[in-house]
Amino acid sequence: MPKPEPRYMGGQAVLEGVMMRGATTWAVAVRTPEGKIAVDVRDVPGWSEKYRHVPLLRGITGLGESLGLGYRALTWSANQQVPEDEQVSEKAMGWMVVVSMILVSALFLVVPAVVGKGTNSLFDFVPFQVAEALFQMVMFLGYLSLIGFVKDIRRVFAYHGAEHKAIAAYENGVELTPESAQQFTTAHVRCGTNFLLTVMVIAMITYSLVPASTLPTIVASRVVLIPVIAGVSYEVIRLAAKNMHRRWVRALMRPGLLLQRMTTREPDLDQLEVAIASLRAVMTAEELAEVERRSARTAGGVVLAPNSVL
């Protein structure tokens, strides 16, 4: 009988906290204005679980589910920071997210296509797809650089780092404490930042196979191919996570890990405490028991797993 695939923990930084997604539940833990840790635990929808063993589809459905959980987690975390009369509903937040995604998608799909088409018209020795991909990358890096100057975003980035460190501590079998988790790097191969960079690379390869005709057909092809590119990118990240012990895999993932320096910050122990609270909230009784057993075996030292990103 083949060995079952591991259940990877995943998460997302939110306002003053971290969301974690486990096998059957997802949780949000935040630091309240009073300094306490508030935790909300809910069942995962589960509709993507049926495709967990279907390549490509598991990536597409998993991404859709993650987006849904993400805006719910963001809504709850934001509401913990303000008085009740200033809180927003999940429905209102959902519409804000949808509108934002449409605007961002239009910006990152249409503008690079227009620039790429114009560059190709002026300099026919520059392939359209190359100019489009380069401008898209410049926009992406510029966006990350700009938002990094916003104080509240820097706080979110620190919680992003705390999320990665907490998951690394769990995956490496050390005691789940802020002090133990602090030993790890803020970079992780399964990070959404790494996923986005992989998406851009896969997109450049995929778009190079699409004829550069009229601008409307180019933009339409970009939109239609989004699910395919997302599914392929998910499989690439999944394979990389299983093979980080191989030097050539680490080399391929290196740009994505380095890019995370723009989307993570070193967390403090209080932020790590919040991330660990969220992680523990979604762990099953068996997972918690295994963590305690492994912690006892590795007390006094860190034993790195093959997929460690240290």
C-alpha atoms as a PDB file:
ATOM      1  CA  MET A   1       0.000   0.000   0.000  1.00  0.00           C
ATOM      2  CA  PRO A   2       1.489   3.394  -0.999  1.00  0.00           C
ATOM      3  CA  LYS A   3       2.397   5.780   1.780  1.00  0.00           C
ATOM      4  CA  PRO A   4      -0.281   8.490   2.171  1.00  0.00           C
ATOM      5  CA  GLU A   5       0.687  11.962   1.126  1.00  0.00           C
ATOM      6  CA  PRO A   6       1.403  14.358   3.978  1.00  0.00           C
ATOM      7  CA  ARG A   7      -1.174  16.960   4.947  1.00  0.00           C
ATOM      8  CA  TYR A   8       0.656  20.213   4.487  1.00  0.00           C
ATOM      9  CA  MET A   9      -0.327  23.090   6.714  1.00  0.00           C
ATOM     10  CA  GLY A  10      -1.040  26.347   4.958  1.00  0.00           C
ATOM     11  CA  GLY A  11      -1.821  29.823   6.123  1.00  0.00           C
ATOM     12  CA  GLN A  12      -2.151  33.501   5.473  1.00  0.00           C
ATOM     13  CA  ALA A  13      -1.235  36.649   7.358  1.00  0.00           C
ATOM     14  CA  VAL A  14      -4.146  38.905   8.287  1.00  0.00           C
ATOM     15  CA  LEU A  15      -4.532  42.110  10.280  1.00  0.00           C
ATOM     16  CA  GLU A  16      -2.660  41.570  13.568  1.00  0.00           C
ATOM     17  CA  GLY A  17      -2.802  37.817  13.149  1.00  0.00           C
ATOM     18  CA  VAL A  18      -2.562  34.626  11.156  1.00  0.00           C
ATOM     19  CA  MET A  19      -5.024  32.277   9.501  1.00  0.00           C
ATOM     20  CA  MET A  20      -4.159  28.568   9.323  1.00  0.00           C
ATOM     21  CA  ARG A  21      -5.850  25.830   7.316  1.00  0.00           C
ATOM     22  CA  GLY A  22      -5.771  22.250   8.569  1.00  0.00           C
ATOM     23  CA  ALA A  23      -7.284  18.986   7.370  1.00  0.00           C
ATOM     24  CA  THR A  24     -10.846  19.659   8.553  1.00  0.00           C
ATOM     25  CA  THR A  25     -10.797  23.109  10.138  1.00  0.00           C
ATOM     26  CA  TRP A  26      -9.383  26.562   9.586  1.00  0.00           C
ATOM     27  CA  ALA A  27      -8.672  29.116  12.255  1.00  0.00           C
ATOM     28  CA  VAL A  28      -7.771  32.764  12.690  1.00  0.00           C
ATOM     29  CA  ALA A  29      -5.814  33.988  15.687  1.00  0.00           C
ATOM     30  CA  VAL A  30      -5.278  37.715  16.265  1.00  0.00           C
ATOM     31  CA  ARG A  31      -3.807  39.963  18.906  1.00  0.00           C
ATOM     32  CA  THR A  32      -6.612  42.203  20.145  1.00  0.00           C
ATOM     33  CA  PRO A  33      -6.107  45.878  21.100  1.00  0.00           C
ATOM     34  CA  GLU A  34      -6.219  44.697  24.742  1.00  0.00           C
ATOM     35  CA  GLY A  35      -3.196  42.462  24.123  1.00  0.00           C
ATOM     36  CA  LYS A  36      -5.051  39.143  24.323  1.00  0.00           C
ATOM     37  CA  ILE A  37      -5.145  36.420  21.657  1.00  0.00           C
ATOM     38  CA  ALA A  38      -8.574  35.823  20.136  1.00  0.00           C
ATOM     39  CA  VAL A  39      -9.104  32.630  18.108  1.00  0.00           C
ATOM     40  CA  ASP A  40     -11.939  31.715  15.748  1.00  0.00           C
ATOM     41  CA  VAL A  41     -12.167  28.107  14.486  1.00  0.00           C
ATOM     42  CA  ARG A  42     -14.452  26.978  11.656  1.00  0.00           C
ATOM     43  CA  ASP A  43     -14.937  23.900   9.492  1.00  0.00           C
ATOM     44  CA  VAL A  44     -13.377  23.997   6.036  1.00  0.00           C
ATOM     45  CA  PRO A  45     -15.916  23.940   3.178  1.00  0.00           C
ATOM     46  CA  GLY A  46     -14.405  20.683   1.940  1.00  0.00           C
ATOM     47  CA  TRP A  47     -15.626  20.993  -1.637  1.00  0.00           C
ATOM     48  CA  SER A  48     -12.053  21.049  -2.919  1.00  0.00           C
ATOM     49  CA  GLU A  49     -11.135  17.934  -0.928  1.00  0.00           C
ATOM     50  CA  LYS A  50     -12.703  15.613  -3.520  1.00  0.00           C
ATOM     51  CA  TYR A  51     -10.108  16.799  -6.052  1.00  0.00           C
ATOM     52  CA  ARG A  52      -7.142  16.485  -3.689  1.00  0.00           C
ATOM     53  CA  HIS A  53      -5.652  13.600  -5.695  1.00  0.00           C
ATOM     54  CA  VAL A  54      -6.491  14.970  -9.157  1.00  0.00           C
ATOM     55  CA  PRO A  55      -3.548  16.858 -10.712  1.00  0.00           C
ATOM     56  CA  LEU A  56      -4.317  20.382 -11.985  1.00  0.00           C
ATOM     57  CA  LEU A  57      -7.871  20.344 -10.618  1.00  0.00           C
ATOM     58  CA  ARG A  58      -6.610  20.231  -7.035  1.00  0.00           C
ATOM     59  CA  GLY A  59      -4.639  23.384  -7.646  1.00  0.00           C
ATOM     60  CA  ILE A  60      -7.540  25.260  -9.233  1.00  0.00           C
ATOM     61  CA  THR A  61     -10.107  24.228  -6.603  1.00  0.00           C
ATOM     62  CA  GLY A  62      -7.617  24.704  -3.776  1.00  0.00           C
ATOM     63  CA  LEU A  63      -6.871  28.226  -4.936  1.00  0.00           C
ATOM     64  CA  GLY A  64     -10.576  29.034  -5.121  1.00  0.00           C
ATOM     65  CA  GLU A  65     -11.152  27.704  -1.625  1.00  0.00           C
ATOM     66  CA  SER A  66      -8.122  29.605  -0.287  1.00  0.00           C
ATOM     67  CA  LEU A  67      -9.465  32.877  -1.699  1.00  0.00           C
ATOM     68  CA  GLY A  68     -12.801  32.250  -0.018  1.00  0.00           C
ATOM     69  CA  LEU A  69     -11.238  31.454   3.340  1.00  0.00           C
ATOM     70  CA  GLY A  70      -8.848  34.374   2.961  1.00  0.00           C
ATOM     71  CA  TYR A  71     -11.441  37.123   2.735  1.00  0.00           C
ATOM     72  CA  ARG A  72     -13.437  35.578   5.608  1.00  0.00           C
ATOM     73  CA  ALA A  73     -10.296  35.489   7.749  1.00  0.00           C
ATOM     74  CA  LEU A  74      -9.469  39.071   6.787  1.00  0.00           C
ATOM     75  CA  THR A  75     -12.979  40.213   7.699  1.00  0.00           C
ATOM     76  CA  TRP A  76     -12.883  38.561  11.116  1.00  0.00           C
ATOM     77  CA  SER A  77      -9.395  39.834  11.918  1.00  0.00           C
ATOM     78  CA  ALA A  78     -10.271  43.396  10.907  1.00  0.00           C
ATOM     79  CA  ASN A  79     -13.416  43.348  13.024  1.00  0.00           C
ATOM     80  CA  GLN A  80     -11.401  42.391  16.121  1.00  0.00           C
ATOM     81  CA  GLN A  81      -9.494  45.679  15.895  1.00  0.00           C
ATOM     82  CA  VAL A  82     -12.462  48.084  15.816  1.00  0.00           C
ATOM     83  CA  PRO A  83     -15.631  48.776  17.846  1.00  0.00           C
ATOM     84  CA  GLU A  84     -18.717  46.771  16.968  1.00  0.00           C
ATOM     85  CA  ASP A  85     -20.439  49.704  15.242  1.00  0.00           C
ATOM     86  CA  GLU A  86     -17.502  50.006  12.816  1.00  0.00           C
ATOM     87  CA  GLN A  87     -17.304  46.346  11.835  1.00  0.00           C
ATOM     88  CA  VAL A  88     -17.952  45.144   8.278  1.00  0.00           C
ATOM     89  CA  SER A  89     -19.858  42.089   7.102  1.00  0.00           C
ATOM     90  CA  GLU A  90     -18.323  39.173   5.236  1.00  0.00           C
ATOM     91  CA  LYS A  91     -20.604  39.964   2.303  1.00  0.00           C
ATOM     92  CA  ALA A  92     -19.335  43.553   2.071  1.00  0.00           C
ATOM     93  CA  MET A  93     -15.735  42.407   2.384  1.00  0.00           C
ATOM     94  CA  GLY A  94     -16.368  39.748  -0.253  1.00  0.00           C
ATOM     95  CA  TRP A  95     -17.565  42.325  -2.765  1.00  0.00           C
ATOM     96  CA  MET A  96     -14.584  44.546  -1.977  1.00  0.00           C
ATOM     97  CA  VAL A  97     -12.250  41.607  -2.644  1.00  0.00           C
ATOM     98  CA  VAL A  98     -14.016  40.744  -5.923  1.00  0.00           C
ATOM     99  CA  VAL A  99     -13.803  44.320  -7.189  1.00  0.00           C
ATOM    100  CA  SER A 100     -10.149  44.563  -6.123  1.00  0.00           C
ATOM    101  CA  MET A 101      -9.295  41.299  -7.881  1.00  0.00           C
ATOM    102  CA  ILE A 102     -10.965  42.475 -11.093  1.00  0.00           C
ATOM    103  CA  LEU A 103      -9.066  45.776 -11.018  1.00  0.00           C
ATOM    104  CA  VAL A 104      -5.734  44.131 -10.206  1.00  0.00           C
ATOM    105  CA  SER A 105      -6.246  41.436 -12.848  1.00  0.00           C
ATOM    106  CA  ALA A 106      -7.069  44.075 -15.426  1.00  0.00           C
ATOM    107  CA  LEU A 107      -4.009  46.056 -14.429  1.00  0.00           C
ATOM    108  CA  PHE A 108      -1.622  43.100 -14.564  1.00  0.00           C
ATOM    109  CA  LEU A 109      -3.121  41.554 -17.716  1.00  0.00           C
ATOM    110  CA  VAL A 110      -4.181  44.457 -19.905  1.00  0.00           C
ATOM    111  CA  VAL A 111      -1.399  46.983 -19.228  1.00  0.00           C
ATOM    112  CA  PRO A 112       1.506  44.552 -19.879  1.00  0.00           C
ATOM    113  CA  ALA A 113      -0.261  43.307 -23.021  1.00  0.00           C
ATOM    114  CA  VAL A 114      -0.636  46.878 -24.317  1.00  0.00           C
ATOM    115  CA  VAL A 115       2.990  47.693 -23.503  1.00  0.00           C
ATOM    116  CA  GLY A 116       4.211  44.438 -25.012  1.00  0.00           C
ATOM    117  CA  LYS A 117       2.236  45.010 -28.199  1.00  0.00           C
ATOM    118  CA  GLY A 118       3.494  48.569 -28.487  1.00  0.00           C
ATOM    119  CA  THR A 119       7.105  47.539 -27.856  1.00  0.00           C
ATOM    120  CA  ASN A 120       6.839  44.853 -30.500  1.00  0.00           C
ATOM    121  CA  SER A 121       5.486  47.384 -32.979  1.00  0.00           C
ATOM    122  CA  LEU A 122       8.369  49.783 -32.330  1.00  0.00           C
ATOM    123  CA  PHE A 123      11.100  47.160 -32.071  1.00  0.00           C
ATOM    124  CA  ASP A 124      10.220  44.093 -34.090  1.00  0.00           C
ATOM    125  CA  PHE A 125      13.330  42.297 -32.822  1.00  0.00           C
ATOM    126  CA  VAL A 126      11.783  42.184 -29.314  1.00  0.00           C
ATOM    127  CA  PRO A 127       9.275  39.300 -29.065  1.00  0.00           C
ATOM    128  CA  PHE A 128       5.881  40.485 -27.854  1.00  0.00           C
ATOM    129  CA  GLN A 129       5.692  37.892 -25.082  1.00  0.00           C
ATOM    130  CA  VAL A 130       9.130  38.824 -23.727  1.00  0.00           C
ATOM    131  CA  ALA A 131       8.275  42.532 -23.506  1.00  0.00           C
ATOM    132  CA  GLU A 132       4.938  41.687 -21.873  1.00  0.00           C
ATOM    133  CA  ALA A 133       6.547  39.372 -19.287  1.00  0.00           C
ATOM    134  CA  LEU A 134       9.315  41.838 -18.427  1.00  0.00           C
ATOM    135  CA  PHE A 135       6.903  44.718 -17.896  1.00  0.00           C
ATOM    136  CA  GLN A 136       4.639  42.475 -15.829  1.00  0.00           C
ATOM    137  CA  MET A 137       7.591  41.559 -13.613  1.00  0.00           C
ATOM    138  CA  VAL A 138       8.560  45.230 -13.213  1.00  0.00           C
ATOM    139  CA  MET A 139       4.995  46.067 -12.170  1.00  0.00           C
ATOM    140  CA  PHE A 140       4.927  43.186  -9.701  1.00  0.00           C
ATOM    141  CA  LEU A 141       8.231  44.097  -8.039  1.00  0.00           C
ATOM    142  CA  GLY A 142       7.320  47.784  -8.009  1.00  0.00           C
ATOM    143  CA  TYR A 143       4.008  47.026  -6.318  1.00  0.00           C
ATOM    144  CA  LEU A 144       5.678  44.922  -3.618  1.00  0.00           C
ATOM    145  CA  SER A 145       8.287  47.626  -3.035  1.00  0.00           C
ATOM    146  CA  LEU A 146       5.703  50.391  -2.661  1.00  0.00           C
ATOM    147  CA  ILE A 147       3.358  48.617  -0.250  1.00  0.00           C
ATOM    148  CA  GLY A 148       6.357  47.679   1.878  1.00  0.00           C
ATOM    149  CA  PHE A 149       6.564  51.325   2.968  1.00  0.00           C
ATOM    150  CA  VAL A 150       3.075  51.229   4.517  1.00  0.00           C
ATOM    151  CA  LYS A 151       3.304  50.735   8.292  1.00  0.00           C
ATOM    152  CA  ASP A 152       0.231  48.481   8.575  1.00  0.00           C
ATOM    153  CA  ILE A 153       1.427  46.343   5.664  1.00  0.00           C
ATOM    154  CA  ARG A 154       4.815  45.910   7.339  1.00  0.00           C
ATOM    155  CA  ARG A 155       2.936  44.539  10.364  1.00  0.00           C
ATOM    156  CA  VAL A 156       1.114  42.085   8.090  1.00  0.00           C
ATOM    157  CA  PHE A 157       4.441  41.082   6.534  1.00  0.00           C
ATOM    158  CA  ALA A 158       5.801  40.351  10.031  1.00  0.00           C
ATOM    159  CA  TYR A 159       2.834  38.076  10.699  1.00  0.00           C
ATOM    160  CA  HIS A 160       3.539  36.495   7.309  1.00  0.00           C
ATOM    161  CA  GLY A 161       7.020  35.687   8.593  1.00  0.00           C
ATOM    162  CA  ALA A 162       5.523  34.335  11.825  1.00  0.00           C
ATOM    163  CA  GLU A 163       3.233  32.058   9.831  1.00  0.00           C
ATOM    164  CA  HIS A 164       6.206  30.598   7.938  1.00  0.00           C
ATOM    165  CA  LYS A 165       8.274  30.099  11.078  1.00  0.00           C
ATOM    166  CA  ALA A 166       5.437  28.361  12.926  1.00  0.00           C
ATOM    167  CA  ILE A 167       4.828  25.976  10.020  1.00  0.00           C
ATOM    168  CA  ALA A 168       8.573  25.313   9.703  1.00  0.00           C
ATOM    169  CA  ALA A 169       8.740  24.438  13.410  1.00  0.00           C
ATOM    170  CA  TYR A 170       5.846  22.012  12.952  1.00  0.00           C
ATOM    171  CA  GLU A 171       7.330  20.436   9.828  1.00  0.00           C
ATOM    172  CA  ASN A 172      10.734  20.034  11.460  1.00  0.00           C
ATOM    173  CA  GLY A 173       9.331  18.384  14.539  1.00  0.00           C
ATOM    174  CA  VAL A 174      10.515  20.848  17.177  1.00  0.00           C
ATOM    175  CA  GLU A 175       8.618  22.140  20.154  1.00  0.00           C
ATOM    176  CA  LEU A 176       5.904  24.575  19.110  1.00  0.00           C
ATOM    177  CA  THR A 177       6.995  27.601  21.110  1.00  0.00           C
ATOM    178  CA  PRO A 178       7.835  31.129  19.936  1.00  0.00           C
ATOM    179  CA  GLU A 179      11.462  30.627  20.949  1.00  0.00           C
ATOM    180  CA  SER A 180      11.816  27.384  18.957  1.00  0.00           C
ATOM    181  CA  ALA A 181      10.031  28.780  15.904  1.00  0.00           C
ATOM    182  CA  GLN A 182      12.204  31.894  15.921  1.00  0.00           C
ATOM    183  CA  GLN A 183      15.191  29.761  14.843  1.00  0.00           C
ATOM    184  CA  PHE A 184      13.747  29.279  11.371  1.00  0.00           C
ATOM    185  CA  THR A 185      13.853  31.470   8.311  1.00  0.00           C
ATOM    186  CA  THR A 186      10.884  33.540   7.153  1.00  0.00           C
ATOM    187  CA  ALA A 187      11.109  31.933   3.677  1.00  0.00           C
ATOM    188  CA  HIS A 188       9.083  28.853   2.744  1.00  0.00           C
ATOM    189  CA  VAL A 189       8.808  27.048  -0.566  1.00  0.00           C
ATOM    190  CA  ARG A 190       4.992  26.820  -0.424  1.00  0.00           C
ATOM    191  CA  CYS A 191       4.561  30.551   0.150  1.00  0.00           C
ATOM    192  CA  GLY A 192       2.048  32.445  -1.957  1.00  0.00           C
ATOM    193  CA  THR A 193       4.809  34.815  -3.057  1.00  0.00           C
ATOM    194  CA  ASN A 194       6.747  31.881  -4.494  1.00  0.00           C
ATOM    195  CA  PHE A 195       3.519  30.673  -6.094  1.00  0.00           C
ATOM    196  CA  LEU A 196       2.935  34.057  -7.767  1.00  0.00           C
ATOM    197  CA  LEU A 197       6.464  34.127  -9.169  1.00  0.00           C
ATOM    198  CA  THR A 198       5.988  30.579 -10.464  1.00  0.00           C
ATOM    199  CA  VAL A 199       2.699  31.655 -12.036  1.00  0.00           C
ATOM    200  CA  MET A 200       4.479  34.470 -13.875  1.00  0.00           C
ATOM    201  CA  VAL A 201       7.166  32.133 -15.215  1.00  0.00           C
ATOM    202  CA  ILE A 202       4.648  29.473 -16.282  1.00  0.00           C
ATOM    203  CA  ALA A 203       2.499  32.209 -17.835  1.00  0.00           C
ATOM    204  CA  MET A 204       5.414  33.522 -19.891  1.00  0.00           C
ATOM    205  CA  ILE A 205       6.068  30.027 -21.244  1.00  0.00           C
ATOM    206  CA  THR A 206       2.374  29.399 -21.910  1.00  0.00           C
ATOM    207  CA  TYR A 207       1.741  32.767 -23.546  1.00  0.00           C
ATOM    208  CA  SER A 208       4.710  32.254 -25.861  1.00  0.00           C
ATOM    209  CA  LEU A 209       2.676  29.476 -27.482  1.00  0.00           C
ATOM    210  CA  VAL A 210      -0.280  31.806 -28.131  1.00  0.00           C
ATOM    211  CA  PRO A 211      -0.077  33.781 -31.390  1.00  0.00           C
ATOM    212  CA  ALA A 212       0.234  37.538 -30.843  1.00  0.00           C
ATOM    213  CA  SER A 213      -2.698  38.771 -32.942  1.00  0.00           C
ATOM    214  CA  THR A 214      -5.118  41.553 -31.950  1.00  0.00           C
ATOM    215  CA  LEU A 215      -5.063  43.059 -28.474  1.00  0.00           C
ATOM    216  CA  PRO A 216      -8.609  41.858 -27.524  1.00  0.00           C
ATOM    217  CA  THR A 217      -7.796  38.249 -28.420  1.00  0.00           C
ATOM    218  CA  ILE A 218      -4.500  38.460 -26.523  1.00  0.00           C
ATOM    219  CA  VAL A 219      -6.225  39.722 -23.371  1.00  0.00           C
ATOM    220  CA  ALA A 220      -9.002  37.110 -23.753  1.00  0.00           C
ATOM    221  CA  SER A 221      -6.440  34.320 -24.042  1.00  0.00           C
ATOM    222  CA  ARG A 222      -4.748  35.540 -20.849  1.00  0.00           C
ATOM    223  CA  VAL A 223      -8.019  35.403 -18.941  1.00  0.00           C
ATOM    224  CA  VAL A 224      -9.018  31.974 -20.280  1.00  0.00           C
ATOM    225  CA  LEU A 225      -5.627  30.456 -19.463  1.00  0.00           C
ATOM    226  CA  ILE A 226      -5.539  31.678 -15.841  1.00  0.00           C
ATOM    227  CA  PRO A 227      -6.994  28.412 -14.375  1.00  0.00           C
ATOM    228  CA  VAL A 228      -4.597  26.259 -16.414  1.00  0.00           C
ATOM    229  CA  ILE A 229      -1.565  28.311 -15.373  1.00  0.00           C
ATOM    230  CA  ALA A 230      -2.669  28.258 -11.723  1.00  0.00           C
ATOM    231  CA  GLY A 231      -3.115  24.473 -11.822  1.00  0.00           C
ATOM    232  CA  VAL A 232       0.296  23.861 -13.393  1.00  0.00           C
ATOM    233  CA  SER A 233       1.991  26.280 -10.970  1.00  0.00           C
ATOM    234  CA  TYR A 234       0.440  24.463  -8.023  1.00  0.00           C
ATOM    235  CA  GLU A 235       1.852  21.161  -9.248  1.00  0.00           C
ATOM    236  CA  VAL A 236       5.306  22.711  -9.668  1.00  0.00           C
ATOM    237  CA  ILE A 237       5.284  24.063  -6.098  1.00  0.00           C
ATOM    238  CA  ARG A 238       3.957  20.750  -4.788  1.00  0.00           C
ATOM    239  CA  LEU A 239       6.754  18.789  -6.432  1.00  0.00           C
ATOM    240  CA  ALA A 240       9.343  21.285  -5.241  1.00  0.00           C
ATOM    241  CA  ALA A 241       8.149  20.975  -1.631  1.00  0.00           C
ATOM    242  CA  LYS A 242       8.689  17.218  -1.801  1.00  0.00           C
ATOM    243  CA  ASN A 243      12.155  17.519  -3.332  1.00  0.00           C
ATOM    244  CA  MET A 244      13.825  20.407  -1.546  1.00  0.00           C
ATOM    245  CA  HIS A 245      16.585  17.984  -0.528  1.00  0.00           C
ATOM    246  CA  ARG A 246      17.727  18.014  -4.168  1.00  0.00           C
ATOM    247  CA  ARG A 247      20.228  20.739  -5.012  1.00  0.00           C
ATOM    248  CA  TRP A 248      18.796  21.535  -8.447  1.00  0.00           C
ATOM    249  CA  VAL A 249      15.293  21.955  -6.973  1.00  0.00           C
ATOM    250  CA  ARG A 250      16.599  24.353  -4.339  1.00  0.00           C
ATOM    251  CA  ALA A 251      18.359  26.282  -7.099  1.00  0.00           C
ATOM    252  CA  LEU A 252      15.124  26.595  -9.103  1.00  0.00           C
ATOM    253  CA  MET A 253      13.175  27.734  -6.037  1.00  0.00           C
ATOM    254  CA  ARG A 254      15.863  30.175  -4.922  1.00  0.00           C
ATOM    255  CA  PRO A 255      14.409  33.248  -6.719  1.00  0.00           C
ATOM    256  CA  GLY A 256      11.023  32.687  -5.102  1.00  0.00           C
ATOM    257  CA  LEU A 257      12.573  32.260  -1.669  1.00  0.00           C
ATOM    258  CA  LEU A 258      14.612  35.435  -2.121  1.00  0.00           C
ATOM    259  CA  LEU A 259      11.533  37.346  -3.287  1.00  0.00           C
ATOM    260  CA  GLN A 260       9.894  36.566   0.049  1.00  0.00           C
ATOM    261  CA  ARG A 261      12.269  39.055   1.634  1.00  0.00           C
ATOM    262  CA  MET A 262       9.920  41.660   0.182  1.00  0.00           C
ATOM    263  CA  THR A 263       6.738  40.095   1.588  1.00  0.00           C
ATOM    264  CA  THR A 264       7.943  38.940   5.009  1.00  0.00           C
ATOM    265  CA  ARG A 265       9.551  40.601   7.989  1.00  0.00           C
ATOM    266  CA  GLU A 266      11.174  39.136  11.092  1.00  0.00           C
ATOM    267  CA  PRO A 267       8.393  38.666  13.659  1.00  0.00           C
ATOM    268  CA  ASP A 268       8.726  39.198  17.382  1.00  0.00           C
ATOM    269  CA  LEU A 269       7.868  36.538  19.962  1.00  0.00           C
ATOM    270  CA  ASP A 270       4.368  37.961  20.498  1.00  0.00           C
ATOM    271  CA  GLN A 271       3.578  37.583  16.792  1.00  0.00           C
ATOM    272  CA  LEU A 272       4.964  34.042  16.791  1.00  0.00           C
ATOM    273  CA  GLU A 273       2.747  33.245  19.758  1.00  0.00           C
ATOM    274  CA  VAL A 274      -0.285  34.286  17.708  1.00  0.00           C
ATOM    275  CA  ALA A 275       0.795  32.182  14.705  1.00  0.00           C
ATOM    276  CA  ILE A 276       1.346  29.119  16.895  1.00  0.00           C
ATOM    277  CA  ALA A 277      -2.059  29.590  18.537  1.00  0.00           C
ATOM    278  CA  SER A 278      -3.670  29.558  15.094  1.00  0.00           C
ATOM    279  CA  LEU A 279      -1.665  26.496  14.041  1.00  0.00           C
ATOM    280  CA  ARG A 280      -2.545  24.533  17.174  1.00  0.00           C
ATOM    281  CA  ALA A 281      -6.215  25.404  16.709  1.00  0.00           C
ATOM    282  CA  VAL A 282      -6.420  23.500  13.402  1.00  0.00           C
ATOM    283  CA  MET A 283      -4.356  20.473  14.402  1.00  0.00           C
ATOM    284  CA  THR A 284      -6.134  17.187  15.064  1.00  0.00           C
ATOM    285  CA  ALA A 285      -5.672  15.329  18.332  1.00  0.00           C
ATOM    286  CA  GLU A 286      -3.347  12.896  16.547  1.00  0.00           C
ATOM    287  CA  GLU A 287      -1.260  15.745  15.115  1.00  0.00           C
ATOM    288  CA  LEU A 288      -0.991  17.429  18.500  1.00  0.00           C
ATOM    289  CA  ALA A 289       0.066  14.155  20.113  1.00  0.00           C
ATOM    290  CA  GLU A 290       2.683  13.608  17.403  1.00  0.00           C
ATOM    291  CA  VAL A 291       4.024  17.126  17.935  1.00  0.00           C
ATOM    292  CA  GLU A 292       4.435  16.422  21.644  1.00  0.00           C
ATOM    293  CA  ARG A 293       6.214  13.122  20.954  1.00  0.00           C
ATOM    294  CA  ARG A 294       8.576  14.684  18.410  1.00  0.00           C
ATOM    295  CA  SER A 295       9.209  17.667  20.652  1.00  0.00           C
ATOM    296  CA  ALA A 296      10.299  15.354  23.449  1.00  0.00           C
ATOM    297  CA  ARG A 297      12.714  13.567  21.111  1.00  0.00           C
ATOM    298  CA  THR A 298      14.235  16.776  19.728  1.00  0.00           C
ATOM    299  CA  ALA A 299      14.342  18.806  22.952  1.00  0.00           C
ATOM    300  CA  GLY A 300      17.603  20.683  23.159  1.00  0.00           C
ATOM    301  CA  GLY A 301      18.291  20.729  19.437  1.00  0.00           C
ATOM    302  CA  VAL A 302      16.727  21.241  16.004  1.00  0.00           C
ATOM    303  CA  VAL A 303      16.418  18.273  13.663  1.00  0.00           C
ATOM    304  CA  LEU A 304      15.854  19.532  10.142  1.00  0.00           C
ATOM    305  CA  ALA A 305      13.477  17.727   7.812  1.00  0.00           C
ATOM    306  CA  PRO A 306      14.420  17.118   4.143  1.00  0.00           C
ATOM    307  CA  ASN A 307      12.188  19.980   2.952  1.00  0.00           C
ATOM    308  CA  SER A 308      13.612  22.500   5.380  1.00  0.00           C
ATOM    309  CA  VAL A 309      14.153  25.948   3.926  1.00  0.00           C
ATOM    310  CA  LEU A 310      16.884  26.961   6.348  1.00  0.00           C
END
